[in-house]
């Protein structure tokens, strides 16, 4: 778990997180995720695809989860990967990509890292629904 002060998210040693680090709010029901980035003045910001804001946006860190602790779910291996991750995420922000159940915050992170969408929360719901349907079909 990592703490935030009123200015930026840091690692356990107090160092700012690398651009492209994927963070998650462990207190949210759906494990909301965002990406650490830095603006042209070097201020930390978060890129996210948010239901609350209706799409891909750039926000201040405190707006991500009210300044609570976050969990690091992925981190770039090097500066090159960091830049590629941020570029893919920034493209969604610039294009004003809308939040949908089929392109949510976890899809946003997956796309930024791999160029492909993927959401553990949605996949779990879909798998649960399919299992229930199969069970009802067999039992009924």
N, C-alpha and C. Protein backbone atom coordinates (compact mmCIF):
# COMPACT_ATOMS: atom_id res chain seq x y z
N UNK A 1 0.85 -1.17 0.00
CA UNK A 1 0.00 0.00 0.00
C UNK A 1 0.90 1.24 0.00
N UNK A 2 0.43 2.25 -0.65
CA UNK A 2 1.20 3.47 -0.77
C UNK A 2 0.37 4.64 -0.32
N UNK A 3 1.00 5.61 0.28
CA UNK A 3 0.33 6.77 0.82
C UNK A 3 0.39 7.93 -0.15
N UNK A 4 -0.52 8.84 0.02
CA UNK A 4 -0.45 10.09 -0.71
C UNK A 4 -0.34 11.21 0.31
N UNK A 5 0.44 12.21 -0.03
CA UNK A 5 0.36 13.41 0.78
C UNK A 5 -0.57 14.34 0.02
N UNK A 6 -0.68 15.57 0.41
CA UNK A 6 -1.64 16.46 -0.25
C UNK A 6 -1.20 16.83 -1.66
N UNK A 7 0.01 16.47 -2.07
CA UNK A 7 0.51 16.87 -3.37
C UNK A 7 0.62 15.70 -4.35
N UNK A 8 1.17 14.56 -3.94
CA UNK A 8 1.38 13.47 -4.89
C UNK A 8 1.46 12.10 -4.22
N UNK A 9 1.21 11.07 -5.04
CA UNK A 9 1.37 9.69 -4.58
C UNK A 9 2.85 9.34 -4.61
N UNK A 10 3.28 8.61 -3.59
CA UNK A 10 4.69 8.24 -3.47
C UNK A 10 4.81 6.75 -3.17
N UNK A 11 6.03 6.24 -3.31
CA UNK A 11 6.28 4.86 -2.89
C UNK A 11 6.54 4.85 -1.39
N UNK A 12 6.86 3.68 -0.86
CA UNK A 12 7.05 3.54 0.59
C UNK A 12 8.26 4.33 1.10
N UNK A 13 9.14 4.74 0.21
CA UNK A 13 10.30 5.54 0.62
C UNK A 13 10.08 7.03 0.41
N UNK A 14 8.87 7.41 -0.01
CA UNK A 14 8.56 8.82 -0.21
C UNK A 14 8.93 9.37 -1.57
N UNK A 15 9.33 8.51 -2.50
CA UNK A 15 9.69 8.95 -3.84
C UNK A 15 8.45 9.01 -4.73
N UNK A 16 8.35 10.04 -5.58
CA UNK A 16 7.19 10.10 -6.50
C UNK A 16 7.14 8.87 -7.38
N UNK A 17 5.93 8.40 -7.66
CA UNK A 17 5.76 7.24 -8.53
C UNK A 17 6.13 7.60 -9.96
N UNK A 18 6.67 6.63 -10.69
CA UNK A 18 7.06 6.82 -12.09
C UNK A 18 5.82 7.03 -12.95
N UNK A 19 5.94 7.89 -13.94
CA UNK A 19 4.86 8.07 -14.90
C UNK A 19 4.52 6.73 -15.53
N UNK A 20 3.24 6.44 -15.65
CA UNK A 20 2.80 5.18 -16.21
C UNK A 20 2.48 4.13 -15.16
N UNK A 21 2.76 4.44 -13.90
CA UNK A 21 2.42 3.51 -12.82
C UNK A 21 0.90 3.43 -12.71
N UNK A 22 0.37 2.21 -12.73
CA UNK A 22 -1.08 2.00 -12.59
C UNK A 22 -1.40 1.85 -11.11
N UNK A 23 -2.34 2.67 -10.65
CA UNK A 23 -2.76 2.62 -9.25
C UNK A 23 -4.21 2.18 -9.17
N UNK A 24 -4.57 1.65 -8.01
CA UNK A 24 -5.92 1.15 -7.79
C UNK A 24 -6.40 1.60 -6.43
N UNK A 25 -7.67 1.96 -6.36
CA UNK A 25 -8.30 2.30 -5.09
C UNK A 25 -8.81 1.01 -4.46
N UNK A 26 -8.12 0.48 -3.44
CA UNK A 26 -8.54 -0.79 -2.86
C UNK A 26 -9.83 -0.69 -2.05
N UNK A 27 -10.31 0.51 -1.81
CA UNK A 27 -11.55 0.68 -1.05
C UNK A 27 -12.77 0.75 -1.95
N UNK A 28 -12.58 0.82 -3.27
CA UNK A 28 -13.73 0.91 -4.17
C UNK A 28 -14.24 -0.49 -4.50
N UNK A 29 -15.53 -0.60 -4.70
CA UNK A 29 -16.16 -1.89 -4.97
C UNK A 29 -15.61 -2.55 -6.22
N UNK A 30 -15.38 -1.76 -7.28
CA UNK A 30 -14.91 -2.32 -8.56
C UNK A 30 -13.42 -2.16 -8.78
N UNK A 31 -12.68 -1.78 -7.75
CA UNK A 31 -11.23 -1.62 -7.87
C UNK A 31 -10.88 -0.60 -8.95
N UNK A 32 -11.33 0.63 -8.75
CA UNK A 32 -11.09 1.70 -9.71
C UNK A 32 -9.59 1.92 -9.91
N UNK A 33 -9.18 2.10 -11.18
CA UNK A 33 -7.77 2.23 -11.51
C UNK A 33 -7.50 3.50 -12.32
N UNK A 34 -6.28 4.00 -12.20
CA UNK A 34 -5.82 5.16 -12.95
C UNK A 34 -4.32 5.06 -13.18
N UNK A 35 -3.78 6.01 -13.95
CA UNK A 35 -2.35 6.04 -14.28
C UNK A 35 -1.71 7.32 -13.76
N UNK A 36 -0.57 7.17 -13.14
CA UNK A 36 0.20 8.34 -12.73
C UNK A 36 0.85 8.97 -13.97
N UNK A 37 0.78 10.29 -14.05
CA UNK A 37 1.44 11.03 -15.13
C UNK A 37 1.91 12.36 -14.54
N UNK A 38 2.61 13.13 -15.34
CA UNK A 38 3.09 14.44 -14.90
C UNK A 38 2.78 15.45 -15.99
N UNK A 39 2.32 16.64 -15.57
CA UNK A 39 2.00 17.67 -16.56
C UNK A 39 3.27 18.41 -16.99
N UNK A 40 3.11 19.39 -17.85
CA UNK A 40 4.26 20.11 -18.40
C UNK A 40 5.05 20.88 -17.35
N UNK A 41 4.45 21.11 -16.17
CA UNK A 41 5.15 21.79 -15.08
C UNK A 41 5.75 20.81 -14.08
N UNK A 42 5.60 19.52 -14.36
CA UNK A 42 6.14 18.50 -13.47
C UNK A 42 5.22 18.14 -12.31
N UNK A 43 3.98 18.64 -12.33
CA UNK A 43 3.03 18.31 -11.27
C UNK A 43 2.40 16.95 -11.55
N UNK A 44 2.26 16.16 -10.51
CA UNK A 44 1.66 14.84 -10.68
C UNK A 44 0.18 14.97 -10.98
N UNK A 45 -0.30 14.17 -11.94
CA UNK A 45 -1.71 14.10 -12.30
C UNK A 45 -2.07 12.62 -12.46
N UNK A 46 -3.35 12.35 -12.59
CA UNK A 46 -3.82 10.98 -12.82
C UNK A 46 -4.65 10.97 -14.10
N UNK A 47 -4.37 10.01 -14.96
CA UNK A 47 -5.18 9.78 -16.15
C UNK A 47 -6.08 8.60 -15.83
N UNK A 48 -7.37 8.74 -16.13
CA UNK A 48 -8.30 7.66 -15.82
C UNK A 48 -9.47 7.67 -16.78
N UNK A 49 -10.12 6.53 -16.92
CA UNK A 49 -11.38 6.45 -17.64
C UNK A 49 -12.43 6.24 -16.56
N UNK A 50 -13.20 7.27 -16.31
CA UNK A 50 -14.02 7.32 -15.11
C UNK A 50 -15.51 7.37 -15.39
N UNK A 51 -16.26 6.51 -14.70
CA UNK A 51 -17.71 6.57 -14.74
C UNK A 51 -18.18 7.93 -14.22
N UNK A 52 -17.54 8.39 -13.13
CA UNK A 52 -17.91 9.66 -12.50
C UNK A 52 -17.78 10.83 -13.45
N UNK A 53 -16.72 10.85 -14.27
CA UNK A 53 -16.50 11.96 -15.21
C UNK A 53 -17.01 11.63 -16.61
N UNK A 54 -17.47 10.41 -16.82
CA UNK A 54 -18.06 10.03 -18.10
C UNK A 54 -17.09 9.62 -19.18
N UNK A 55 -15.79 9.55 -18.86
CA UNK A 55 -14.83 9.17 -19.88
C UNK A 55 -13.40 9.35 -19.42
N UNK A 56 -12.50 9.32 -20.39
CA UNK A 56 -11.07 9.45 -20.12
C UNK A 56 -10.73 10.91 -19.81
N UNK A 57 -10.11 11.14 -18.66
CA UNK A 57 -9.82 12.50 -18.20
C UNK A 57 -8.45 12.57 -17.52
N UNK A 58 -7.97 13.77 -17.36
CA UNK A 58 -6.80 14.09 -16.56
C UNK A 58 -7.32 14.80 -15.32
N UNK A 59 -6.94 14.31 -14.13
CA UNK A 59 -7.41 14.91 -12.88
C UNK A 59 -6.24 15.09 -11.91
N UNK A 60 -6.47 15.86 -10.87
CA UNK A 60 -5.51 16.00 -9.79
C UNK A 60 -5.53 14.72 -8.95
N UNK A 61 -4.42 14.32 -8.35
CA UNK A 61 -4.38 13.08 -7.58
C UNK A 61 -5.46 12.99 -6.49
N UNK A 62 -5.73 14.07 -5.80
CA UNK A 62 -6.71 14.02 -4.72
C UNK A 62 -8.11 13.69 -5.25
N UNK A 63 -8.38 13.97 -6.52
CA UNK A 63 -9.68 13.68 -7.10
C UNK A 63 -9.85 12.20 -7.43
N UNK A 64 -8.75 11.46 -7.49
CA UNK A 64 -8.82 10.04 -7.84
C UNK A 64 -9.60 9.26 -6.79
N UNK A 65 -9.23 9.44 -5.54
CA UNK A 65 -9.93 8.71 -4.47
C UNK A 65 -9.93 9.48 -3.15
N UNK A 66 -9.86 10.79 -3.24
CA UNK A 66 -9.90 11.61 -2.04
C UNK A 66 -8.63 11.59 -1.22
N UNK A 67 -7.53 11.12 -1.83
CA UNK A 67 -6.25 11.13 -1.13
C UNK A 67 -6.02 9.92 -0.24
N UNK A 68 -6.86 8.88 -0.36
CA UNK A 68 -6.66 7.66 0.43
C UNK A 68 -5.50 6.86 -0.15
N UNK A 69 -5.10 5.84 0.60
CA UNK A 69 -4.03 4.96 0.12
C UNK A 69 -4.44 4.30 -1.19
N UNK A 70 -3.45 4.05 -2.02
CA UNK A 70 -3.68 3.33 -3.27
C UNK A 70 -2.75 2.12 -3.32
N UNK A 71 -3.11 1.20 -4.18
CA UNK A 71 -2.29 0.01 -4.41
C UNK A 71 -1.68 0.13 -5.80
N UNK A 72 -0.42 -0.17 -5.93
CA UNK A 72 0.22 -0.19 -7.24
C UNK A 72 -0.10 -1.54 -7.88
N UNK A 73 -0.73 -1.51 -9.06
CA UNK A 73 -1.10 -2.75 -9.73
C UNK A 73 -0.16 -3.09 -10.89
N UNK A 74 0.47 -2.09 -11.47
CA UNK A 74 1.45 -2.30 -12.54
C UNK A 74 2.41 -1.13 -12.53
N UNK A 75 3.63 -1.40 -12.95
CA UNK A 75 4.62 -0.32 -13.05
C UNK A 75 5.47 -0.54 -14.30
N UNK A 76 5.79 0.54 -14.99
CA UNK A 76 6.65 0.41 -16.18
C UNK A 76 8.02 -0.11 -15.81
N UNK A 77 8.62 -0.86 -16.71
CA UNK A 77 9.96 -1.41 -16.46
C UNK A 77 11.06 -0.39 -16.70
N UNK A 78 10.79 0.60 -17.56
CA UNK A 78 11.82 1.58 -17.89
C UNK A 78 11.16 2.85 -18.44
N UNK A 79 11.96 3.85 -18.73
CA UNK A 79 11.46 5.13 -19.21
C UNK A 79 10.76 5.00 -20.56
N UNK A 80 11.29 4.16 -21.44
CA UNK A 80 10.68 3.97 -22.76
C UNK A 80 9.26 3.41 -22.60
N UNK A 81 9.11 2.38 -21.78
CA UNK A 81 7.78 1.80 -21.56
C UNK A 81 6.86 2.81 -20.89
N UNK A 82 7.39 3.59 -19.96
CA UNK A 82 6.61 4.63 -19.29
C UNK A 82 6.03 5.61 -20.30
N UNK A 83 6.86 6.06 -21.22
CA UNK A 83 6.40 7.02 -22.23
C UNK A 83 5.35 6.41 -23.16
N UNK A 84 5.52 5.15 -23.54
CA UNK A 84 4.55 4.49 -24.42
C UNK A 84 3.20 4.33 -23.72
N UNK A 85 3.21 3.97 -22.44
CA UNK A 85 1.99 3.81 -21.66
C UNK A 85 1.24 5.13 -21.57
N UNK A 86 1.96 6.17 -21.21
CA UNK A 86 1.34 7.49 -21.08
C UNK A 86 0.80 7.97 -22.43
N UNK A 87 1.52 7.74 -23.52
CA UNK A 87 1.05 8.17 -24.83
C UNK A 87 -0.26 7.49 -25.22
N UNK A 88 -0.35 6.17 -24.99
CA UNK A 88 -1.60 5.47 -25.32
C UNK A 88 -2.76 5.97 -24.46
N UNK A 89 -2.51 6.20 -23.18
CA UNK A 89 -3.57 6.71 -22.30
C UNK A 89 -3.95 8.14 -22.68
N UNK A 90 -2.95 8.98 -22.96
CA UNK A 90 -3.22 10.37 -23.33
C UNK A 90 -4.04 10.43 -24.62
N UNK A 91 -3.79 9.51 -25.55
CA UNK A 91 -4.58 9.47 -26.78
C UNK A 91 -6.07 9.31 -26.47
N UNK A 92 -6.41 8.48 -25.48
CA UNK A 92 -7.82 8.33 -25.08
C UNK A 92 -8.38 9.62 -24.50
N UNK A 93 -7.57 10.32 -23.71
CA UNK A 93 -8.02 11.59 -23.12
C UNK A 93 -8.27 12.61 -24.22
N UNK A 94 -7.34 12.73 -25.15
CA UNK A 94 -7.47 13.71 -26.24
C UNK A 94 -8.68 13.37 -27.12
N UNK A 95 -8.91 12.09 -27.37
CA UNK A 95 -10.04 11.67 -28.20
C UNK A 95 -11.37 11.74 -27.44
N UNK A 96 -11.30 12.08 -26.16
CA UNK A 96 -12.48 12.15 -25.30
C UNK A 96 -13.26 10.84 -25.32
N UNK A 97 -12.53 9.73 -25.17
CA UNK A 97 -13.14 8.41 -25.14
C UNK A 97 -14.12 8.35 -23.97
N UNK A 98 -15.30 7.83 -24.21
CA UNK A 98 -16.34 7.74 -23.20
C UNK A 98 -16.23 6.45 -22.40
N UNK A 99 -16.62 6.53 -21.13
CA UNK A 99 -16.68 5.36 -20.28
C UNK A 99 -17.89 4.54 -20.68
N UNK A 100 -17.72 3.24 -20.82
CA UNK A 100 -18.83 2.31 -21.03
C UNK A 100 -18.51 1.05 -20.23
N UNK A 101 -19.50 0.18 -20.03
CA UNK A 101 -19.19 -1.09 -19.36
C UNK A 101 -18.19 -1.93 -20.15
N UNK A 102 -18.06 -1.64 -21.45
CA UNK A 102 -17.16 -2.40 -22.30
C UNK A 102 -15.82 -1.70 -22.52
N UNK A 103 -15.67 -0.51 -21.97
CA UNK A 103 -14.37 0.19 -21.96
C UNK A 103 -14.33 1.04 -20.69
N UNK A 104 -13.97 0.39 -19.60
CA UNK A 104 -13.97 1.04 -18.29
C UNK A 104 -12.55 1.36 -17.84
N UNK A 105 -12.38 1.67 -16.56
CA UNK A 105 -11.06 2.08 -16.07
C UNK A 105 -10.02 0.97 -16.21
N UNK A 106 -10.43 -0.28 -16.01
CA UNK A 106 -9.48 -1.38 -16.13
C UNK A 106 -9.11 -1.63 -17.59
N UNK A 107 -10.06 -1.45 -18.50
CA UNK A 107 -9.77 -1.55 -19.92
C UNK A 107 -8.77 -0.46 -20.34
N UNK A 108 -8.96 0.74 -19.78
CA UNK A 108 -8.09 1.89 -20.04
C UNK A 108 -6.64 1.56 -19.67
N UNK A 109 -6.46 0.95 -18.49
CA UNK A 109 -5.11 0.57 -18.03
C UNK A 109 -4.54 -0.53 -18.93
N UNK A 110 -5.35 -1.54 -19.20
CA UNK A 110 -4.89 -2.64 -20.05
C UNK A 110 -4.48 -2.13 -21.43
N UNK A 111 -5.30 -1.26 -22.01
CA UNK A 111 -4.98 -0.70 -23.32
C UNK A 111 -3.69 0.13 -23.27
N UNK A 112 -3.52 0.90 -22.21
CA UNK A 112 -2.30 1.72 -22.08
C UNK A 112 -1.06 0.83 -22.00
N UNK A 113 -1.16 -0.30 -21.33
CA UNK A 113 0.00 -1.19 -21.17
C UNK A 113 0.23 -2.11 -22.35
N UNK A 114 -0.85 -2.62 -22.96
CA UNK A 114 -0.68 -3.67 -23.96
C UNK A 114 -1.24 -3.34 -25.34
N UNK A 115 -2.06 -2.29 -25.42
CA UNK A 115 -2.74 -1.99 -26.67
C UNK A 115 -4.00 -2.81 -26.85
N UNK A 116 -4.36 -3.61 -25.83
CA UNK A 116 -5.56 -4.45 -25.87
C UNK A 116 -6.39 -4.19 -24.62
N UNK A 117 -7.72 -4.25 -24.76
CA UNK A 117 -8.60 -4.02 -23.61
C UNK A 117 -8.71 -5.29 -22.77
N UNK A 118 -9.05 -5.10 -21.50
CA UNK A 118 -9.26 -6.21 -20.58
C UNK A 118 -9.69 -5.66 -19.23
N UNK A 119 -10.70 -6.30 -18.63
CA UNK A 119 -11.22 -5.84 -17.35
C UNK A 119 -11.55 -7.04 -16.48
N UNK A 120 -10.82 -7.20 -15.38
CA UNK A 120 -11.06 -8.32 -14.46
C UNK A 120 -12.45 -8.23 -13.84
N UNK A 121 -12.89 -7.02 -13.50
CA UNK A 121 -14.21 -6.86 -12.88
C UNK A 121 -15.31 -7.29 -13.85
N UNK A 122 -15.27 -6.79 -15.06
CA UNK A 122 -16.29 -7.14 -16.05
C UNK A 122 -16.22 -8.63 -16.38
N UNK A 123 -15.01 -9.17 -16.57
CA UNK A 123 -14.86 -10.58 -16.89
C UNK A 123 -15.45 -11.46 -15.79
N UNK A 124 -15.26 -11.06 -14.53
CA UNK A 124 -15.83 -11.81 -13.41
C UNK A 124 -17.35 -11.79 -13.42
N UNK A 125 -17.92 -10.65 -13.73
CA UNK A 125 -19.38 -10.53 -13.79
C UNK A 125 -19.92 -11.38 -14.94
N UNK A 126 -19.29 -11.29 -16.10
CA UNK A 126 -19.74 -12.06 -17.27
C UNK A 126 -19.61 -13.56 -16.99
N UNK A 127 -18.47 -13.99 -16.43
CA UNK A 127 -18.29 -15.41 -16.12
C UNK A 127 -19.31 -15.89 -15.10
N UNK A 128 -19.58 -15.08 -14.10
CA UNK A 128 -20.59 -15.44 -13.10
C UNK A 128 -21.96 -15.58 -13.73
N UNK A 129 -22.30 -14.67 -14.63
CA UNK A 129 -23.59 -14.73 -15.33
C UNK A 129 -23.70 -15.97 -16.20
N UNK A 130 -22.61 -16.30 -16.90
CA UNK A 130 -22.61 -17.50 -17.75
C UNK A 130 -22.74 -18.77 -16.91
N UNK A 131 -22.03 -18.81 -15.79
CA UNK A 131 -22.10 -19.99 -14.90
C UNK A 131 -23.52 -20.14 -14.37
N UNK A 132 -24.14 -19.04 -13.97
CA UNK A 132 -25.52 -19.10 -13.47
C UNK A 132 -26.47 -19.57 -14.57
N UNK A 133 -26.29 -19.09 -15.78
CA UNK A 133 -27.15 -19.50 -16.89
C UNK A 133 -26.99 -20.99 -17.18
N UNK A 134 -25.76 -21.49 -17.17
CA UNK A 134 -25.52 -22.91 -17.41
C UNK A 134 -26.15 -23.74 -16.28
N UNK A 135 -25.98 -23.31 -15.05
CA UNK A 135 -26.55 -24.01 -13.92
C UNK A 135 -28.07 -24.07 -14.02
N UNK A 136 -28.70 -22.94 -14.34
CA UNK A 136 -30.16 -22.90 -14.49
C UNK A 136 -30.64 -23.77 -15.65
N UNK A 137 -29.88 -23.80 -16.74
CA UNK A 137 -30.24 -24.62 -17.89
C UNK A 137 -30.17 -26.10 -17.54
N UNK A 138 -29.15 -26.49 -16.78
CA UNK A 138 -28.97 -27.89 -16.39
C UNK A 138 -30.01 -28.28 -15.34
N UNK A 139 -30.21 -27.40 -14.36
CA UNK A 139 -31.13 -27.69 -13.26
C UNK A 139 -32.60 -27.59 -13.68
N UNK A 140 -32.87 -26.78 -14.69
CA UNK A 140 -34.26 -26.50 -15.08
C UNK A 140 -34.75 -27.45 -16.07
